[in-house]
Amino acid sequence: LQMNSLKPEDTAVYYCNADTRRGWYADTLRSWGQGTQVTVS
């Protein structure tokens, strides 16, 4: 995620997400990262 022209209102914890399947008949698994802090000030 390339973030340009950042504003104070962009300040937040940003979480990565991935939607995956481990087989053709498997359900979709939604996974999350631990989060990373972005502070614009």
Full PDB file with SEQRES, HELIX, SHEET, SSBOND, CRYST1, ORIGX, SCALE, CONECT and MASTER records, all heavy atoms in Angstrom:
SEQRES   1 A   41  LEU GLN MET ASN SER LEU LYS PRO GLU ASP THR ALA VAL          
SEQRES   2 A   41  TYR TYR CYS ASN ALA ASP THR ARG ARG GLY TRP TYR ALA          
SEQRES   3 A   41  ASP THR LEU ARG SER TRP GLY GLN GLY THR GLN VAL THR          
SEQRES   4 A   41  VAL SER                                                      
HELIX    1 AA1 PRO A    8  ASP A   10  5                                   3    
SHEET    1 AA1 2 ALA A  12  TYR A  14  0                                        
SHEET    2 AA1 2 THR A  36  VAL A  38 -1                                        
SHEET    1 AA2 2 ASN A  17  THR A  20  0                                        
SHEET    2 AA2 2 LEU A  29  TRP A  32 -1                                        
CRYST1    1.000    1.000    1.000  90.00  90.00  90.00 P 1           1          
ORIGX1      1.000000  0.000000  0.000000        0.00000                         
ORIGX2      0.000000  1.000000  0.000000        0.00000                         
ORIGX3      0.000000  0.000000  1.000000        0.00000                         
SCALE1      1.000000  0.000000  0.000000        0.00000                         
SCALE2      0.000000  1.000000  0.000000        0.00000                         
SCALE3      0.000000  0.000000  1.000000        0.00000                         
ATOM      1  N   LEU A   1       0.851  -1.178   0.000  1.00  0.00           N  
ATOM      2  CA  LEU A   1       0.000   0.000   0.000  1.00  0.00           C  
ATOM      3  C   LEU A   1       0.888   1.228   0.000  1.00  0.00           C  
ATOM      4  O   LEU A   1       1.535   1.526   1.010  1.00  0.00           O  
ATOM      5  CB  LEU A   1      -0.940   0.021   1.207  1.00  0.00           C  
ATOM      6  CG  LEU A   1      -1.956   1.158   1.224  1.00  0.00           C  
ATOM      7  CD1 LEU A   1      -2.975   0.986   0.093  1.00  0.00           C  
ATOM      8  CD2 LEU A   1      -2.675   1.227   2.570  1.00  0.00           C  
ATOM      9  N   GLN A   2       0.944   1.910  -1.138  1.00  0.00           N  
ATOM     10  CA  GLN A   2       1.675   3.162  -1.245  1.00  0.00           C  
ATOM     11  C   GLN A   2       0.742   4.293  -0.849  1.00  0.00           C  
ATOM     12  O   GLN A   2      -0.299   4.487  -1.477  1.00  0.00           O  
ATOM     13  CB  GLN A   2       2.190   3.368  -2.669  1.00  0.00           C  
ATOM     14  CG  GLN A   2       2.950   4.669  -2.879  1.00  0.00           C  
ATOM     15  CD  GLN A   2       4.240   4.720  -2.109  1.00  0.00           C  
ATOM     16  OE1 GLN A   2       5.008   3.762  -2.118  1.00  0.00           O  
ATOM     17  NE2 GLN A   2       4.488   5.833  -1.426  1.00  0.00           N  
ATOM     18  N   MET A   3       1.113   5.032   0.180  1.00  0.00           N  
ATOM     19  CA  MET A   3       0.283   6.098   0.715  1.00  0.00           C  
ATOM     20  C   MET A   3       0.994   7.426   0.508  1.00  0.00           C  
ATOM     21  O   MET A   3       2.054   7.667   1.087  1.00  0.00           O  
ATOM     22  CB  MET A   3      -0.011   5.867   2.198  1.00  0.00           C  
ATOM     23  CG  MET A   3      -0.651   4.519   2.494  1.00  0.00           C  
ATOM     24  SD  MET A   3      -1.120   4.326   4.235  1.00  0.00           S  
ATOM     25  CE  MET A   3       0.512   4.278   4.987  1.00  0.00           C  
ATOM     26  N   ASN A   4       0.402   8.283  -0.312  1.00  0.00           N  
ATOM     27  CA  ASN A   4       0.945   9.599  -0.601  1.00  0.00           C  
ATOM     28  C   ASN A   4      -0.005  10.680  -0.100  1.00  0.00           C  
ATOM     29  O   ASN A   4      -1.182  10.425   0.152  1.00  0.00           O  
ATOM     30  CB  ASN A   4       1.178   9.771  -2.105  1.00  0.00           C  
ATOM     31  CG  ASN A   4       2.178   8.791  -2.672  1.00  0.00           C  
ATOM     32  OD1 ASN A   4       3.149   8.421  -2.011  1.00  0.00           O  
ATOM     33  ND2 ASN A   4       1.966   8.380  -3.921  1.00  0.00           N  
ATOM     34  N   SER A   5       0.513  11.890   0.008  1.00  0.00           N  
ATOM     35  CA  SER A   5      -0.288  13.038   0.450  1.00  0.00           C  
ATOM     36  C   SER A   5      -1.059  12.723   1.716  1.00  0.00           C  
ATOM     37  O   SER A   5      -2.261  12.982   1.828  1.00  0.00           O  
ATOM     38  CB  SER A   5      -1.238  13.476  -0.672  1.00  0.00           C  
ATOM     39  OG  SER A   5      -0.532  13.824  -1.839  1.00  0.00           O  
ATOM     40  N   LEU A   6      -0.368  12.172   2.682  1.00  0.00           N  
ATOM     41  CA  LEU A   6      -1.025  11.717   3.906  1.00  0.00           C  
ATOM     42  C   LEU A   6      -1.603  12.885   4.694  1.00  0.00           C  
ATOM     43  O   LEU A   6      -1.029  13.975   4.744  1.00  0.00           O  
ATOM     44  CB  LEU A   6      -0.047  10.932   4.764  1.00  0.00           C  
ATOM     45  CG  LEU A   6       0.206   9.499   4.273  1.00  0.00           C  
ATOM     46  CD1 LEU A   6       1.479   8.941   4.877  1.00  0.00           C  
ATOM     47  CD2 LEU A   6      -0.989   8.612   4.621  1.00  0.00           C  
ATOM     48  N   LYS A   7      -2.744  12.621   5.316  1.00  0.00           N  
ATOM     49  CA  LYS A   7      -3.460  13.590   6.116  1.00  0.00           C  
ATOM     50  C   LYS A   7      -3.573  13.092   7.550  1.00  0.00           C  
ATOM     51  O   LYS A   7      -3.521  11.885   7.792  1.00  0.00           O  
ATOM     52  CB  LYS A   7      -4.871  13.816   5.547  1.00  0.00           C  
ATOM     53  CG  LYS A   7      -4.909  14.227   4.089  1.00  0.00           C  
ATOM     54  CD  LYS A   7      -6.342  14.284   3.591  1.00  0.00           C  
ATOM     55  CE  LYS A   7      -6.405  14.674   2.133  1.00  0.00           C  
ATOM     56  NZ  LYS A   7      -7.811  14.712   1.628  1.00  0.00           N  
ATOM     57  N   PRO A   8      -3.761  14.006   8.508  1.00  0.00           N  
ATOM     58  CA  PRO A   8      -3.945  13.553   9.896  1.00  0.00           C  
ATOM     59  C   PRO A   8      -5.080  12.555  10.062  1.00  0.00           C  
ATOM     60  O   PRO A   8      -4.982  11.657  10.910  1.00  0.00           O  
ATOM     61  CB  PRO A   8      -4.234  14.857  10.647  1.00  0.00           C  
ATOM     62  CG  PRO A   8      -3.509  15.897   9.866  1.00  0.00           C  
ATOM     63  CD  PRO A   8      -3.661  15.477   8.426  1.00  0.00           C  
ATOM     64  N   GLU A   9      -6.132  12.678   9.269  1.00  0.00           N  
ATOM     65  CA  GLU A   9      -7.250  11.756   9.377  1.00  0.00           C  
ATOM     66  C   GLU A   9      -6.925  10.353   8.874  1.00  0.00           C  
ATOM     67  O   GLU A   9      -7.739   9.439   9.026  1.00  0.00           O  
ATOM     68  CB  GLU A   9      -8.488  12.300   8.649  1.00  0.00           C  
ATOM     69  CG  GLU A   9      -8.212  12.782   7.242  1.00  0.00           C  
ATOM     70  CD  GLU A   9      -8.001  14.283   7.176  1.00  0.00           C  
ATOM     71  OE1 GLU A   9      -7.247  14.816   8.010  1.00  0.00           O  
ATOM     72  OE2 GLU A   9      -8.606  14.927   6.294  1.00  0.00           O  
ATOM     73  N   ASP A  10      -5.753  10.168   8.271  1.00  0.00           N  
ATOM     74  CA  ASP A  10      -5.308   8.835   7.895  1.00  0.00           C  
ATOM     75  C   ASP A  10      -4.709   8.077   9.076  1.00  0.00           C  
ATOM     76  O   ASP A  10      -4.401   6.887   8.951  1.00  0.00           O  
ATOM     77  CB  ASP A  10      -4.273   8.901   6.773  1.00  0.00           C  
ATOM     78  CG  ASP A  10      -4.843   9.450   5.477  1.00  0.00           C  
ATOM     79  OD1 ASP A  10      -5.971   9.064   5.110  1.00  0.00           O  
ATOM     80  OD2 ASP A  10      -4.145  10.254   4.826  1.00  0.00           O  
ATOM     81  N   THR A  11      -4.526   8.748  10.198  1.00  0.00           N  
ATOM     82  CA  THR A  11      -3.948   8.114  11.376  1.00  0.00           C  
ATOM     83  C   THR A  11      -4.834   6.969  11.851  1.00  0.00           C  
ATOM     84  O   THR A  11      -6.020   7.158  12.112  1.00  0.00           O  
ATOM     85  CB  THR A  11      -3.761   9.136  12.494  1.00  0.00           C  
ATOM     86  OG1 THR A  11      -2.818  10.127  12.087  1.00  0.00           O  
ATOM     87  CG2 THR A  11      -3.245   8.463  13.759  1.00  0.00           C  
ATOM     88  N   ALA A  12      -4.261   5.782  11.961  1.00  0.00           N  
ATOM     89  CA  ALA A  12      -5.008   4.597  12.352  1.00  0.00           C  
ATOM     90  C   ALA A  12      -4.050   3.420  12.453  1.00  0.00           C  
ATOM     91  O   ALA A  12      -2.883   3.517  12.057  1.00  0.00           O  
ATOM     92  CB  ALA A  12      -6.109   4.275  11.341  1.00  0.00           C  
ATOM     93  N   VAL A  13      -4.560   2.316  12.974  1.00  0.00           N  
ATOM     94  CA  VAL A  13      -3.858   1.050  12.865  1.00  0.00           C  
ATOM     95  C   VAL A  13      -4.297   0.405  11.561  1.00  0.00           C  
ATOM     96  O   VAL A  13      -5.496   0.250  11.308  1.00  0.00           O  
ATOM     97  CB  VAL A  13      -4.161   0.117  14.051  1.00  0.00           C  
ATOM     98  CG1 VAL A  13      -3.469  -1.230  13.864  1.00  0.00           C  
ATOM     99  CG2 VAL A  13      -3.717   0.768  15.357  1.00  0.00           C  
ATOM    100  N   TYR A  14      -3.340   0.031  10.742  1.00  0.00           N  
ATOM    101  CA  TYR A  14      -3.616  -0.565   9.443  1.00  0.00           C  
ATOM    102  C   TYR A  14      -3.395  -2.069   9.515  1.00  0.00           C  
ATOM    103  O   TYR A  14      -2.355  -2.535   9.983  1.00  0.00           O  
ATOM    104  CB  TYR A  14      -2.722   0.055   8.369  1.00  0.00           C  
ATOM    105  CG  TYR A  14      -3.165   1.430   7.952  1.00  0.00           C  
ATOM    106  CD1 TYR A  14      -3.044   2.508   8.830  1.00  0.00           C  
ATOM    107  CD2 TYR A  14      -3.719   1.664   6.697  1.00  0.00           C  
ATOM    108  CE1 TYR A  14      -3.471   3.775   8.467  1.00  0.00           C  
ATOM    109  CE2 TYR A  14      -4.141   2.923   6.321  1.00  0.00           C  
ATOM    110  CZ  TYR A  14      -4.021   3.977   7.208  1.00  0.00           C  
ATOM    111  OH  TYR A  14      -4.441   5.232   6.838  1.00  0.00           O  
ATOM    112  N   TYR A  15      -4.386  -2.825   9.044  1.00  0.00           N  
ATOM    113  CA  TYR A  15      -4.361  -4.275   9.100  1.00  0.00           C  
ATOM    114  C   TYR A  15      -4.340  -4.867   7.699  1.00  0.00           C  
ATOM    115  O   TYR A  15      -5.148  -4.500   6.852  1.00  0.00           O  
ATOM    116  CB  TYR A  15      -5.594  -4.813   9.833  1.00  0.00           C  
ATOM    117  CG  TYR A  15      -5.682  -4.417  11.285  1.00  0.00           C  
ATOM    118  CD1 TYR A  15      -6.344  -3.262  11.667  1.00  0.00           C  
ATOM    119  CD2 TYR A  15      -5.110  -5.210  12.271  1.00  0.00           C  
ATOM    120  CE1 TYR A  15      -6.438  -2.895  12.996  1.00  0.00           C  
ATOM    121  CE2 TYR A  15      -5.196  -4.857  13.607  1.00  0.00           C  
ATOM    122  CZ  TYR A  15      -5.861  -3.697  13.962  1.00  0.00           C  
ATOM    123  OH  TYR A  15      -5.951  -3.343  15.287  1.00  0.00           O  
ATOM    124  N   CYS A  16      -3.441  -5.792   7.487  1.00  0.00           N  
ATOM    125  CA  CYS A  16      -3.400  -6.543   6.249  1.00  0.00           C  
ATOM    126  C   CYS A  16      -4.414  -7.679   6.304  1.00  0.00           C  
ATOM    127  O   CYS A  16      -4.624  -8.290   7.352  1.00  0.00           O  
ATOM    128  CB  CYS A  16      -1.995  -7.097   6.032  1.00  0.00           C  
ATOM    129  SG  CYS A  16      -1.799  -8.127   4.563  1.00  0.00           S  
ATOM    130  N   ASN A  17      -5.025  -7.968   5.171  1.00  0.00           N  
ATOM    131  CA  ASN A  17      -6.027  -9.021   5.063  1.00  0.00           C  
ATOM    132  C   ASN A  17      -5.728  -9.898   3.861  1.00  0.00           C  
ATOM    133  O   ASN A  17      -5.272  -9.421   2.819  1.00  0.00           O  
ATOM    134  CB  ASN A  17      -7.425  -8.398   4.943  1.00  0.00           C  
ATOM    135  CG  ASN A  17      -8.373  -9.207   4.077  1.00  0.00           C  
ATOM    136  OD1 ASN A  17      -8.638  -8.843   2.928  1.00  0.00           O  
ATOM    137  ND2 ASN A  17      -8.875 -10.306   4.628  1.00  0.00           N  
ATOM    138  N   ALA A  18      -5.992 -11.191   4.003  1.00  0.00           N  
ATOM    139  CA  ALA A  18      -5.900 -12.121   2.889  1.00  0.00           C  
ATOM    140  C   ALA A  18      -7.074 -13.083   2.939  1.00  0.00           C  
ATOM    141  O   ALA A  18      -7.391 -13.629   3.996  1.00  0.00           O  
ATOM    142  CB  ALA A  18      -4.587 -12.899   2.929  1.00  0.00           C  
ATOM    143  N   ASP A  19      -7.722 -13.274   1.797  1.00  0.00           N  
ATOM    144  CA  ASP A  19      -8.792 -14.254   1.652  1.00  0.00           C  
ATOM    145  C   ASP A  19      -8.248 -15.416   0.842  1.00  0.00           C  
ATOM    146  O   ASP A  19      -7.883 -15.240  -0.324  1.00  0.00           O  
ATOM    147  CB  ASP A  19     -10.004 -13.645   0.959  1.00  0.00           C  
ATOM    148  CG  ASP A  19     -10.697 -12.608   1.801  1.00  0.00           C  
ATOM    149  OD1 ASP A  19     -10.464 -12.573   3.024  1.00  0.00           O  
ATOM    150  OD2 ASP A  19     -11.494 -11.817   1.243  1.00  0.00           O  
ATOM    151  N   THR A  20      -8.200 -16.595   1.456  1.00  0.00           N  
ATOM    152  CA  THR A  20      -7.555 -17.748   0.840  1.00  0.00           C  
ATOM    153  C   THR A  20      -8.426 -18.983   0.922  1.00  0.00           C  
ATOM    154  O   THR A  20      -9.342 -19.080   1.725  1.00  0.00           O  
ATOM    155  CB  THR A  20      -6.205 -18.056   1.516  1.00  0.00           C  
ATOM    156  OG1 THR A  20      -6.422 -18.400   2.893  1.00  0.00           O  
ATOM    157  CG2 THR A  20      -5.272 -16.858   1.437  1.00  0.00           C  
ATOM    158  N   ARG A  21      -8.113 -19.948   0.071  1.00  0.00           N  
ATOM    159  CA  ARG A  21      -8.683 -21.288   0.110  1.00  0.00           C  
ATOM    160  C   ARG A  21      -7.542 -22.287   0.007  1.00  0.00           C  
ATOM    161  O   ARG A  21      -6.587 -22.075  -0.741  1.00  0.00           O  
ATOM    162  CB  ARG A  21      -9.673 -21.501  -1.028  1.00  0.00           C  
ATOM    163  CG  ARG A  21     -10.898 -20.594  -0.987  1.00  0.00           C  
ATOM    164  CD  ARG A  21     -11.668 -20.659  -2.299  1.00  0.00           C  
ATOM    165  NE  ARG A  21     -12.182 -22.000  -2.560  1.00  0.00           N  
ATOM    166  CZ  ARG A  21     -12.686 -22.390  -3.729  1.00  0.00           C  
ATOM    167  NH1 ARG A  21     -12.729 -21.542  -4.745  1.00  0.00           N  
ATOM    168  NH2 ARG A  21     -13.136 -23.625  -3.878  1.00  0.00           N  
ATOM    169  N   ARG A  22      -7.650 -23.381   0.757  1.00  0.00           N  
ATOM    170  CA  ARG A  22      -6.624 -24.415   0.711  1.00  0.00           C  
ATOM    171  C   ARG A  22      -7.035 -25.612  -0.135  1.00  0.00           C  
ATOM    172  O   ARG A  22      -6.323 -26.629  -0.142  1.00  0.00           O  
ATOM    173  CB  ARG A  22      -6.226 -24.859   2.116  1.00  0.00           C  
ATOM    174  CG  ARG A  22      -7.322 -25.500   2.948  1.00  0.00           C  
ATOM    175  CD  ARG A  22      -6.789 -25.832   4.334  1.00  0.00           C  
ATOM    176  NE  ARG A  22      -7.770 -26.530   5.147  1.00  0.00           N  
ATOM    177  CZ  ARG A  22      -7.919 -27.841   5.189  1.00  0.00           C  
ATOM    178  NH1 ARG A  22      -7.137 -28.613   4.443  1.00  0.00           N  
ATOM    179  NH2 ARG A  22      -8.830 -28.385   5.974  1.00  0.00           N  
ATOM    180  N   GLY A  23      -8.138 -25.504  -0.833  1.00  0.00           N  
ATOM    181  CA  GLY A  23      -8.592 -26.542  -1.734  1.00  0.00           C  
ATOM    182  C   GLY A  23      -9.806 -26.065  -2.495  1.00  0.00           C  
ATOM    183  O   GLY A  23     -10.463 -25.098  -2.105  1.00  0.00           O  
ATOM    184  N   TRP A  24     -10.127 -26.765  -3.593  1.00  0.00           N  
ATOM    185  CA  TRP A  24     -11.265 -26.352  -4.415  1.00  0.00           C  
ATOM    186  C   TRP A  24     -12.582 -26.405  -3.668  1.00  0.00           C  
ATOM    187  O   TRP A  24     -13.494 -25.626  -3.951  1.00  0.00           O  
ATOM    188  CB  TRP A  24     -11.346 -27.223  -5.660  1.00  0.00           C  
ATOM    189  CG  TRP A  24     -10.267 -26.959  -6.649  1.00  0.00           C  
ATOM    190  CD1 TRP A  24      -9.261 -27.789  -7.019  1.00  0.00           C  
ATOM    191  CD2 TRP A  24     -10.087 -25.763  -7.419  1.00  0.00           C  
ATOM    192  NE1 TRP A  24      -8.463 -27.202  -7.952  1.00  0.00           N  
ATOM    193  CE2 TRP A  24      -8.948 -25.953  -8.226  1.00  0.00           C  
ATOM    194  CE3 TRP A  24     -10.780 -24.553  -7.493  1.00  0.00           C  
ATOM    195  CZ2 TRP A  24      -8.489 -24.975  -9.101  1.00  0.00           C  
ATOM    196  CZ3 TRP A  24     -10.313 -23.576  -8.361  1.00  0.00           C  
ATOM    197  CH2 TRP A  24      -9.188 -23.797  -9.152  1.00  0.00           C  
ATOM    198  N   TYR A  25     -12.701 -27.303  -2.715  1.00  0.00           N  
ATOM    199  CA  TYR A  25     -13.945 -27.461  -1.965  1.00  0.00           C  
ATOM    200  C   TYR A  25     -13.855 -26.909  -0.552  1.00  0.00           C  
ATOM    201  O   TYR A  25     -14.758 -27.127   0.256  1.00  0.00           O  
ATOM    202  CB  TYR A  25     -14.354 -28.930  -1.935  1.00  0.00           C  
ATOM    203  CG  TYR A  25     -14.597 -29.498  -3.308  1.00  0.00           C  
ATOM    204  CD1 TYR A  25     -13.621 -30.230  -3.966  1.00  0.00           C  
ATOM    205  CD2 TYR A  25     -15.808 -29.283  -3.957  1.00  0.00           C  
ATOM    206  CE1 TYR A  25     -13.840 -30.733  -5.236  1.00  0.00           C  
ATOM    207  CE2 TYR A  25     -16.034 -29.782  -5.223  1.00  0.00           C  
ATOM    208  CZ  TYR A  25     -15.047 -30.503  -5.864  1.00  0.00           C  
ATOM    209  OH  TYR A  25     -15.271 -30.994  -7.122  1.00  0.00           O  
ATOM    210  N   ALA A  26     -12.795 -26.215  -0.259  1.00  0.00           N  
ATOM    211  CA  ALA A  26     -12.623 -25.627   1.060  1.00  0.00           C  
ATOM    212  C   ALA A  26     -13.303 -24.272   1.136  1.00  0.00           C  
ATOM    213  O   ALA A  26     -13.427 -23.558   0.140  1.00  0.00           O  
ATOM    214  CB  ALA A  26     -11.140 -25.489   1.384  1.00  0.00           C  
ATOM    215  N   ASP A  27     -13.722 -23.925   2.328  1.00  0.00           N  
ATOM    216  CA  ASP A  27     -14.282 -22.597   2.556  1.00  0.00           C  
ATOM    217  C   ASP A  27     -13.183 -21.543   2.484  1.00  0.00           C  
ATOM    218  O   ASP A  27     -12.003 -21.823   2.690  1.00  0.00           O  
ATOM    219  CB  ASP A  27     -14.960 -22.523   3.923  1.00  0.00           C  
ATOM    220  CG  ASP A  27     -16.204 -23.379   4.025  1.00  0.00           C  
ATOM    221  OD1 ASP A  27     -16.824 -23.651   2.976  1.00  0.00           O  
ATOM    222  OD2 ASP A  27     -16.564 -23.773   5.145  1.00  0.00           O  
ATOM    223  N   THR A  28     -13.599 -20.329   2.210  1.00  0.00           N  
ATOM    224  CA  THR A  28     -12.672 -19.212   2.199  1.00  0.00           C  
ATOM    225  C   THR A  28     -12.281 -18.846   3.628  1.00  0.00           C  
ATOM    226  O   THR A  28     -13.136 -18.745   4.504  1.00  0.00           O  
ATOM    227  CB  THR A  28     -13.287 -17.990   1.505  1.00  0.00           C  
ATOM    228  OG1 THR A  28     -13.567 -18.316   0.142  1.00  0.00           O  
ATOM    229  CG2 THR A  28     -12.337 -16.805   1.546  1.00  0.00           C  
ATOM    230  N   LEU A  29     -11.000 -18.687   3.842  1.00  0.00           N  
ATOM    231  CA  LEU A  29     -10.466 -18.293   5.132  1.00  0.00           C  
ATOM    232  C   LEU A  29     -10.006 -16.849   5.062  1.00  0.00           C  
ATOM    233  O   LEU A  29      -9.220 -16.486   4.190  1.00  0.00           O  
ATOM    234  CB  LEU A  29      -9.299 -19.197   5.527  1.00  0.00           C  
ATOM    235  CG  LEU A  29      -8.533 -18.823   6.803  1.00  0.00           C  
ATOM    236  CD1 LEU A  29      -9.433 -18.969   8.024  1.00  0.00           C  
ATOM    237  CD2 LEU A  29      -7.286 -19.684   6.941  1.00  0.00           C  
ATOM    238  N   ARG A  30     -10.494 -16.038   5.976  1.00  0.00           N  
ATOM    239  CA  ARG A  30     -10.058 -14.648   6.061  1.00  0.00           C  
ATOM    240  C   ARG A  30      -9.024 -14.525   7.170  1.00  0.00           C  
ATOM    241  O   ARG A  30      -9.313 -14.823   8.336  1.00  0.00           O  
ATOM    242  CB  ARG A  30     -11.239 -13.718   6.318  1.00  0.00           C  
ATOM    243  CG  ARG A  30     -10.839 -12.281   6.641  1.00  0.00           C  
ATOM    244  CD  ARG A  30     -11.939 -11.288   6.350  1.00  0.00           C  
ATOM    245  NE  ARG A  30     -12.081 -11.057   4.916  1.00  0.00           N  
ATOM    246  CZ  ARG A  30     -12.822 -10.100   4.379  1.00  0.00           C  
ATOM    247  NH1 ARG A  30     -13.510  -9.277   5.168  1.00  0.00           N  
ATOM    248  NH2 ARG A  30     -12.899  -9.967   3.063  1.00  0.00           N  
ATOM    249  N   SER A  31      -7.834 -14.100   6.797  1.00  0.00           N  
ATOM    250  CA  SER A  31      -6.726 -13.969   7.739  1.00  0.00           C  
ATOM    251  C   SER A  31      -6.356 -12.507   7.902  1.00  0.00           C  
ATOM    252  O   SER A  31      -6.552 -11.691   6.995  1.00  0.00           O  
ATOM    253  CB  SER A  31      -5.507 -14.768   7.253  1.00  0.00           C  
ATOM    254  OG  SER A  31      -5.823 -16.137   7.080  1.00  0.00           O  
ATOM    255  N   TRP A  32      -5.797 -12.197   9.058  1.00  0.00           N  
ATOM    256  CA  TRP A  32      -5.436 -10.827   9.398  1.00  0.00           C  
ATOM    257  C   TRP A  32      -4.021 -10.745   9.928  1.00  0.00           C  
ATOM    258  O   TRP A  32      -3.544 -11.637  10.628  1.00  0.00           O  
ATOM    259  CB  TRP A  32      -6.385 -10.269  10.466  1.00  0.00           C  
ATOM    260  CG  TRP A  32      -7.802 -10.167  10.023  1.00  0.00           C  
ATOM    261  CD1 TRP A  32      -8.789 -11.089  10.195  1.00  0.00           C  
ATOM    262  CD2 TRP A  32      -8.389  -9.070   9.334  1.00  0.00           C  
ATOM    263  NE1 TRP A  32      -9.965 -10.638   9.655  1.00  0.00           N  
ATOM    264  CE2 TRP A  32      -9.752  -9.397   9.116  1.00  0.00           C  
ATOM    265  CE3 TRP A  32      -7.913  -7.840   8.884  1.00  0.00           C  
ATOM    266  CZ2 TRP A  32     -10.627  -8.538   8.462  1.00  0.00           C  
ATOM    267  CZ3 TRP A  32      -8.783  -6.990   8.229  1.00  0.00           C  
ATOM    268  CH2 TRP A  32     -10.122  -7.341   8.031  1.00  0.00           C  
ATOM    269  N   GLY A  33      -3.363  -9.649   9.594  1.00  0.00           N  
ATOM    270  CA  GLY A  33      -2.088  -9.348  10.204  1.00  0.00           C  
ATOM    271  C   GLY A  33      -2.275  -8.760  11.585  1.00  0.00           C  
ATOM    272  O   GLY A  33      -3.394  -8.533  12.051  1.00  0.00           O  
ATOM    273  N   GLN A  34      -1.164  -8.489  12.244  1.00  0.00           N  
ATOM    274  CA  GLN A  34      -1.225  -7.995  13.618  1.00  0.00           C  
ATOM    275  C   GLN A  34      -1.551  -6.512  13.700  1.00  0.00           C  
ATOM    276  O   GLN A  34      -1.910  -6.016  14.769  1.00  0.00           O  
ATOM    277  CB  GLN A  34       0.114  -8.270  14.320  1.00  0.00           C  
ATOM    278  CG  GLN A  34       1.238  -7.288  13.991  1.00  0.00           C  
ATOM    279  CD  GLN A  34       1.835  -7.484  12.611  1.00  0.00           C  
ATOM    280  OE1 GLN A  34       1.521  -8.443  11.907  1.00  0.00           O  
ATOM    281  NE2 GLN A  34       2.716  -6.566  12.223  1.00  0.00           N  
ATOM    282  N   GLY A  35      -1.434  -5.802  12.599  1.00  0.00           N  
ATOM    283  CA  GLY A  35      -1.675  -4.375  12.555  1.00  0.00           C  
ATOM    284  C   GLY A  35      -0.394  -3.581  12.705  1.00  0.00           C  
ATOM    285  O   GLY A  35       0.507  -3.967  13.441  1.00  0.00           O  
ATOM    286  N   THR A  36      -0.326  -2.460  12.005  1.00  0.00           N  
ATOM    287  CA  THR A  36       0.813  -1.560  12.108  1.00  0.00           C  
ATOM    288  C   THR A  36       0.303  -0.131  12.226  1.00  0.00           C  
ATOM    289  O   THR A  36      -0.609   0.279  11.515  1.00  0.00           O  
ATOM    290  CB  THR A  36       1.768  -1.724  10.906  1.00  0.00           C  
ATOM    291  OG1 THR A  36       2.919  -0.891  11.077  1.00  0.00           O  
ATOM    292  CG2 THR A  36       1.089  -1.371   9.589  1.00  0.00           C  
ATOM    293  N   GLN A  37       0.885   0.624  13.140  1.00  0.00           N  
ATOM    294  CA  GLN A  37       0.429   1.977  13.426  1.00  0.00           C  
ATOM    295  C   GLN A  37       0.949   2.961  12.396  1.00  0.00           C  
ATOM    296  O   GLN A  37       2.150   2.992  12.100  1.00  0.00           O  
ATOM    297  CB  GLN A  37       0.877   2.408  14.826  1.00  0.00           C  
ATOM    298  CG  GLN A  37       0.499   3.844  15.194  1.00  0.00           C  
ATOM    299  CD  GLN A  37      -0.985   4.010  15.414  1.00  0.00           C  
ATOM    300  OE1 GLN A  37      -1.605   3.214  16.121  1.00  0.00           O  
ATOM    301  NE2 GLN A  37      -1.571   5.036  14.804  1.00  0.00           N  
ATOM    302  N   VAL A  38       0.046   3.762  11.858  1.00  0.00           N  
ATOM    303  CA  VAL A  38       0.397   4.879  10.993  1.00  0.00           C  
ATOM    304  C   VAL A  38      -0.087   6.154  11.673  1.00  0.00           C  
ATOM    305  O   VAL A  38      -1.275   6.294  11.960  1.00  0.00           O  
ATOM    306  CB  VAL A  38      -0.227   4.742   9.596  1.00  0.00           C  
ATOM    307  CG1 VAL A  38      -0.019   6.016   8.782  1.00  0.00           C  
ATOM    308  CG2 VAL A  38       0.351   3.543   8.868  1.00  0.00           C  
ATOM    309  N   THR A  39       0.832   7.064  11.931  1.00  0.00           N  
ATOM    310  CA  THR A  39       0.504   8.322  12.572  1.00  0.00           C  
ATOM    311  C   THR A  39       0.945   9.468  11.681  1.00  0.00           C  
ATOM    312  O   THR A  39       2.118   9.549  11.307  1.00  0.00           O  
ATOM    313  CB  THR A  39       1.174   8.438  13.945  1.00  0.00           C  
ATOM    314  OG1 THR A  39       0.773   7.347  14.777  1.00  0.00           O  
ATOM    315  CG2 THR A  39       0.789   9.748  14.618  1.00  0.00           C  
ATOM    316  N   VAL A  40       0.011  10.349  11.349  1.00  0.00           N  
ATOM    317  CA  VAL A  40       0.283  11.509  10.508  1.00  0.00           C  
ATOM    318  C   VAL A  40       0.099  12.745  11.381  1.00  0.00           C  
ATOM    319  O   VAL A  40      -1.025  13.078  11.772  1.00  0.00           O  
ATOM    320  CB  VAL A  40      -0.640  11.563   9.288  1.00  0.00           C  
ATOM    321  CG1 VAL A  40      -0.254  12.730   8.386  1.00  0.00           C  
ATOM    322  CG2 VAL A  40      -0.584  10.250   8.517  1.00  0.00           C  
ATOM    323  N   SER A  41       1.195  13.407  11.673  1.00  0.00           N  
ATOM    324  CA  SER A  41       1.151  14.543  12.589  1.00  0.00           C  
ATOM    325  C   SER A  41       2.347  15.443  12.362  1.00  0.00           C  
ATOM    326  O   SER A  41       3.436  14.986  12.018  1.00  0.00           O  
ATOM    327  CB  SER A  41       1.140  14.058  14.042  1.00  0.00           C  
ATOM    328  OG  SER A  41       1.178  15.149  14.951  1.00  0.00           O  
TER     329      SER A  41                                                      
MASTER        0    0    0    1    4    0    0    6  328    1    0    4          
END                                                                             
